[in-house]
Amino acid sequence: MNRNTWITTPVRERRSVQGFTIWSASLNLLLFGALLVIALRVVPGYVEYLTVKDVITRAAQEHDPRSETVTDLKMRIAKLLNTNQIYDVSADNIKVYRERGVIVIDARYEKRFPFFWILDGVMKFDDLLVETAQAGRA
């Protein structure tokens, strides 16, 4: 056979699939929506926790044990919480007591919030335990 006499078969054109199908687009939108709902439920609680942590540490650092009492410290914490518009944690829920010569501020709490239908979320903040400086320290 001659090279020029080969019988050529028509080449089938391949269809290239581009873009999203309706199923992949809807699945992506569903996942994006679920992540958005989770973020909108979790982020405000976490931002509030950071604010409470800042209030507690600032009150503990600025506390002068020689001139202020436990009641003064508790009142200062209540004012700072009110100023920063923290409403989920009240000054009544924060325990302020004296132990081993220092004043301890125990503001540990947990926050519960609804996710979907019967699913709830729980955020536990257990690191909000702060001690003030001793009276003898300078």
C-alpha atoms as a PDB file:
ATOM      1  CA  MET A   1       0.000   0.000   0.000  1.00  0.00           C
ATOM      2  CA  ASN A   2       1.037   3.404  -0.751  1.00  0.00           C
ATOM      3  CA  ARG A   3       1.331   5.972   1.975  1.00  0.00           C
ATOM      4  CA  ASN A   4      -1.022   8.260   0.213  1.00  0.00           C
ATOM      5  CA  THR A   5      -3.759   5.714  -0.141  1.00  0.00           C
ATOM      6  CA  TRP A   6      -4.505   5.153   3.497  1.00  0.00           C
ATOM      7  CA  ILE A   7      -8.143   5.279   4.285  1.00  0.00           C
ATOM      8  CA  THR A   8      -8.778   7.936   6.789  1.00  0.00           C
ATOM      9  CA  THR A   9     -11.599   7.656   9.211  1.00  0.00           C
ATOM     10  CA  PRO A  10     -13.332  10.761  10.384  1.00  0.00           C
ATOM     11  CA  VAL A  11     -12.025  11.867  13.740  1.00  0.00           C
ATOM     12  CA  ARG A  12     -14.705  12.226  16.358  1.00  0.00           C
ATOM     13  CA  GLU A  13     -14.724  15.543  18.025  1.00  0.00           C
ATOM     14  CA  ARG A  14     -14.360  15.340  21.777  1.00  0.00           C
ATOM     15  CA  ARG A  15     -16.762  17.377  23.756  1.00  0.00           C
ATOM     16  CA  SER A  16     -14.962  19.255  26.438  1.00  0.00           C
ATOM     17  CA  VAL A  17     -17.037  19.914  29.512  1.00  0.00           C
ATOM     18  CA  GLN A  18     -16.587  23.365  30.890  1.00  0.00           C
ATOM     19  CA  GLY A  19     -18.183  25.105  33.830  1.00  0.00           C
ATOM     20  CA  PHE A  20     -20.486  23.866  36.541  1.00  0.00           C
ATOM     21  CA  THR A  21     -23.388  21.535  36.233  1.00  0.00           C
ATOM     22  CA  ILE A  22     -26.527  22.387  38.131  1.00  0.00           C
ATOM     23  CA  TRP A  23     -25.718  19.723  40.723  1.00  0.00           C
ATOM     24  CA  SER A  24     -22.176  20.877  41.406  1.00  0.00           C
ATOM     25  CA  ALA A  25     -23.252  24.508  41.565  1.00  0.00           C
ATOM     26  CA  SER A  26     -26.056  23.738  44.039  1.00  0.00           C
ATOM     27  CA  LEU A  27     -23.733  21.598  46.176  1.00  0.00           C
ATOM     28  CA  ASN A  28     -21.157  24.392  46.249  1.00  0.00           C
ATOM     29  CA  LEU A  29     -23.824  26.930  47.215  1.00  0.00           C
ATOM     30  CA  LEU A  30     -25.097  24.619  49.951  1.00  0.00           C
ATOM     31  CA  LEU A  31     -21.600  24.180  51.413  1.00  0.00           C
ATOM     32  CA  PHE A  32     -20.871  27.905  51.178  1.00  0.00           C
ATOM     33  CA  GLY A  33     -24.184  28.693  52.888  1.00  0.00           C
ATOM     34  CA  ALA A  34     -23.504  26.221  55.700  1.00  0.00           C
ATOM     35  CA  LEU A  35     -20.036  27.687  56.296  1.00  0.00           C
ATOM     36  CA  LEU A  36     -21.477  31.195  56.261  1.00  0.00           C
ATOM     37  CA  VAL A  37     -24.151  30.292  58.824  1.00  0.00           C
ATOM     38  CA  ILE A  38     -21.551  28.642  61.075  1.00  0.00           C
ATOM     39  CA  ALA A  39     -19.275  31.689  60.825  1.00  0.00           C
ATOM     40  CA  LEU A  40     -22.139  34.077  61.571  1.00  0.00           C
ATOM     41  CA  ARG A  41     -23.050  32.057  64.667  1.00  0.00           C
ATOM     42  CA  VAL A  42     -19.521  31.497  66.051  1.00  0.00           C
ATOM     43  CA  VAL A  43     -17.684  34.771  65.330  1.00  0.00           C
ATOM     44  CA  PRO A  44     -19.814  37.090  67.544  1.00  0.00           C
ATOM     45  CA  GLY A  45     -19.390  34.765  70.545  1.00  0.00           C
ATOM     46  CA  TYR A  46     -15.647  34.592  69.992  1.00  0.00           C
ATOM     47  CA  VAL A  47     -15.327  38.371  69.629  1.00  0.00           C
ATOM     48  CA  GLU A  48     -17.296  38.784  72.853  1.00  0.00           C
ATOM     49  CA  TYR A  49     -14.950  36.323  74.579  1.00  0.00           C
ATOM     50  CA  LEU A  50     -11.919  38.339  73.443  1.00  0.00           C
ATOM     51  CA  THR A  51     -13.521  41.500  74.826  1.00  0.00           C
ATOM     52  CA  VAL A  52     -14.308  39.846  78.176  1.00  0.00           C
ATOM     53  CA  LYS A  53     -10.742  38.540  78.361  1.00  0.00           C
ATOM     54  CA  ASP A  54      -9.386  42.024  77.689  1.00  0.00           C
ATOM     55  CA  VAL A  55     -11.676  43.569  80.329  1.00  0.00           C
ATOM     56  CA  ILE A  56     -10.676  41.019  82.965  1.00  0.00           C
ATOM     57  CA  THR A  57      -6.939  41.285  82.332  1.00  0.00           C
ATOM     58  CA  ARG A  58      -7.067  45.081  82.192  1.00  0.00           C
ATOM     59  CA  ALA A  59      -9.000  45.251  85.474  1.00  0.00           C
ATOM     60  CA  ALA A  60      -6.536  42.851  87.117  1.00  0.00           C
ATOM     61  CA  GLN A  61      -3.495  44.798  85.907  1.00  0.00           C
ATOM     62  CA  GLU A  62      -4.863  48.170  86.979  1.00  0.00           C
ATOM     63  CA  HIS A  63      -6.009  46.944  90.392  1.00  0.00           C
ATOM     64  CA  ASP A  64      -4.085  48.428  93.320  1.00  0.00           C
ATOM     65  CA  PRO A  65      -4.468  46.022  96.265  1.00  0.00           C
ATOM     66  CA  ARG A  66      -3.253  48.648  98.771  1.00  0.00           C
ATOM     67  CA  SER A  67      -6.062  51.115  98.081  1.00  0.00           C
ATOM     68  CA  GLU A  68      -8.895  49.111  96.455  1.00  0.00           C
ATOM     69  CA  THR A  69     -11.020  46.295  97.828  1.00  0.00           C
ATOM     70  CA  VAL A  70     -12.605  43.276  96.174  1.00  0.00           C
ATOM     71  CA  THR A  71     -15.871  45.184  95.884  1.00  0.00           C
ATOM     72  CA  ASP A  72     -14.115  48.048  94.085  1.00  0.00           C
ATOM     73  CA  LEU A  73     -12.631  45.580  91.614  1.00  0.00           C
ATOM     74  CA  LYS A  74     -16.008  43.961  91.005  1.00  0.00           C
ATOM     75  CA  MET A  75     -17.606  47.378  90.421  1.00  0.00           C
ATOM     76  CA  ARG A  76     -14.824  48.286  87.963  1.00  0.00           C
ATOM     77  CA  ILE A  77     -15.401  45.040  86.051  1.00  0.00           C
ATOM     78  CA  ALA A  78     -19.154  45.745  85.931  1.00  0.00           C
ATOM     79  CA  LYS A  79     -18.531  49.235  84.534  1.00  0.00           C
ATOM     80  CA  LEU A  80     -16.076  47.936  81.922  1.00  0.00           C
ATOM     81  CA  LEU A  81     -18.531  45.230  80.822  1.00  0.00           C
ATOM     82  CA  ASN A  82     -21.283  47.827  80.511  1.00  0.00           C
ATOM     83  CA  THR A  83     -19.015  50.230  78.604  1.00  0.00           C
ATOM     84  CA  ASN A  84     -17.980  47.503  76.140  1.00  0.00           C
ATOM     85  CA  GLN A  85     -21.633  46.423  75.705  1.00  0.00           C
ATOM     86  CA  ILE A  86     -21.156  42.848  76.912  1.00  0.00           C
ATOM     87  CA  TYR A  87     -24.580  41.491  77.807  1.00  0.00           C
ATOM     88  CA  ASP A  88     -24.145  37.696  77.845  1.00  0.00           C
ATOM     89  CA  VAL A  89     -21.718  37.816  80.774  1.00  0.00           C
ATOM     90  CA  SER A  90     -22.812  39.936  83.701  1.00  0.00           C
ATOM     91  CA  ALA A  91     -20.820  41.058  86.712  1.00  0.00           C
ATOM     92  CA  ASP A  92     -22.970  38.763  88.858  1.00  0.00           C
ATOM     93  CA  ASN A  93     -21.643  35.730  86.952  1.00  0.00           C
ATOM     94  CA  ILE A  94     -18.010  36.727  87.565  1.00  0.00           C
ATOM     95  CA  LYS A  95     -16.578  35.542  90.871  1.00  0.00           C
ATOM     96  CA  VAL A  96     -14.019  37.789  92.546  1.00  0.00           C
ATOM     97  CA  TYR A  97     -12.432  36.416  95.717  1.00  0.00           C
ATOM     98  CA  ARG A  98      -9.241  36.548  97.750  1.00  0.00           C
ATOM     99  CA  GLU A  99      -7.012  33.475  97.851  1.00  0.00           C
ATOM    100  CA  ARG A 100      -3.429  33.121  99.168  1.00  0.00           C
ATOM    101  CA  GLY A 101      -2.834  36.853  99.334  1.00  0.00           C
ATOM    102  CA  VAL A 102      -4.016  37.651  95.796  1.00  0.00           C
ATOM    103  CA  ILE A 103      -7.399  38.486  94.374  1.00  0.00           C
ATOM    104  CA  VAL A 104      -8.663  35.932  91.848  1.00  0.00           C
ATOM    105  CA  ILE A 105     -11.094  36.851  89.079  1.00  0.00           C
ATOM    106  CA  ASP A 106     -12.979  33.794  87.815  1.00  0.00           C
ATOM    107  CA  ALA A 107     -14.942  34.698  84.673  1.00  0.00           C
ATOM    108  CA  ARG A 108     -15.153  31.237  83.072  1.00  0.00           C
ATOM    109  CA  TYR A 109     -18.385  30.691  81.176  1.00  0.00           C
ATOM    110  CA  GLU A 110     -19.964  28.848  78.286  1.00  0.00           C
ATOM    111  CA  LYS A 111     -22.169  30.120  75.517  1.00  0.00           C
ATOM    112  CA  ARG A 112     -24.905  28.062  73.840  1.00  0.00           C
ATOM    113  CA  PHE A 113     -26.409  29.078  70.524  1.00  0.00           C
ATOM    114  CA  PRO A 114     -28.653  27.473  67.875  1.00  0.00           C
ATOM    115  CA  PHE A 115     -27.128  26.240  64.612  1.00  0.00           C
ATOM    116  CA  PHE A 116     -29.861  24.548  62.614  1.00  0.00           C
ATOM    117  CA  TRP A 117     -33.215  23.075  63.419  1.00  0.00           C
ATOM    118  CA  ILE A 118     -32.348  20.854  66.457  1.00  0.00           C
ATOM    119  CA  LEU A 119     -28.568  21.345  66.473  1.00  0.00           C
ATOM    120  CA  ASP A 120     -27.037  23.639  69.080  1.00  0.00           C
ATOM    121  CA  GLY A 121     -23.480  24.824  69.458  1.00  0.00           C
ATOM    122  CA  VAL A 122     -21.555  25.213  72.714  1.00  0.00           C
ATOM    123  CA  MET A 123     -18.481  27.359  73.218  1.00  0.00           C
ATOM    124  CA  LYS A 124     -16.633  26.895  76.534  1.00  0.00           C
ATOM    125  CA  PHE A 125     -14.239  29.569  77.679  1.00  0.00           C
ATOM    126  CA  ASP A 126     -12.221  28.060  80.524  1.00  0.00           C
ATOM    127  CA  ASP A 127      -9.144  30.264  80.446  1.00  0.00           C
ATOM    128  CA  LEU A 128     -10.707  33.338  82.028  1.00  0.00           C
ATOM    129  CA  LEU A 129      -9.083  32.878  85.446  1.00  0.00           C
ATOM    130  CA  VAL A 130      -6.856  35.860  86.323  1.00  0.00           C
ATOM    131  CA  GLU A 131      -4.925  36.732  89.478  1.00  0.00           C
ATOM    132  CA  THR A 132      -4.044  40.265  90.519  1.00  0.00           C
ATOM    133  CA  ALA A 133      -0.662  41.306  91.865  1.00  0.00           C
ATOM    134  CA  GLN A 134       0.058  40.763  95.540  1.00  0.00           C
ATOM    135  CA  ALA A 135      -0.068  43.711  97.918  1.00  0.00           C
ATOM    136  CA  GLY A 136       3.662  43.530  98.692  1.00  0.00           C
ATOM    137  CA  ARG A 137       4.811  43.701  95.070  1.00  0.00           C
ATOM    138  CA  ALA A 138       5.793  46.971  93.465  1.00  0.00           C
END
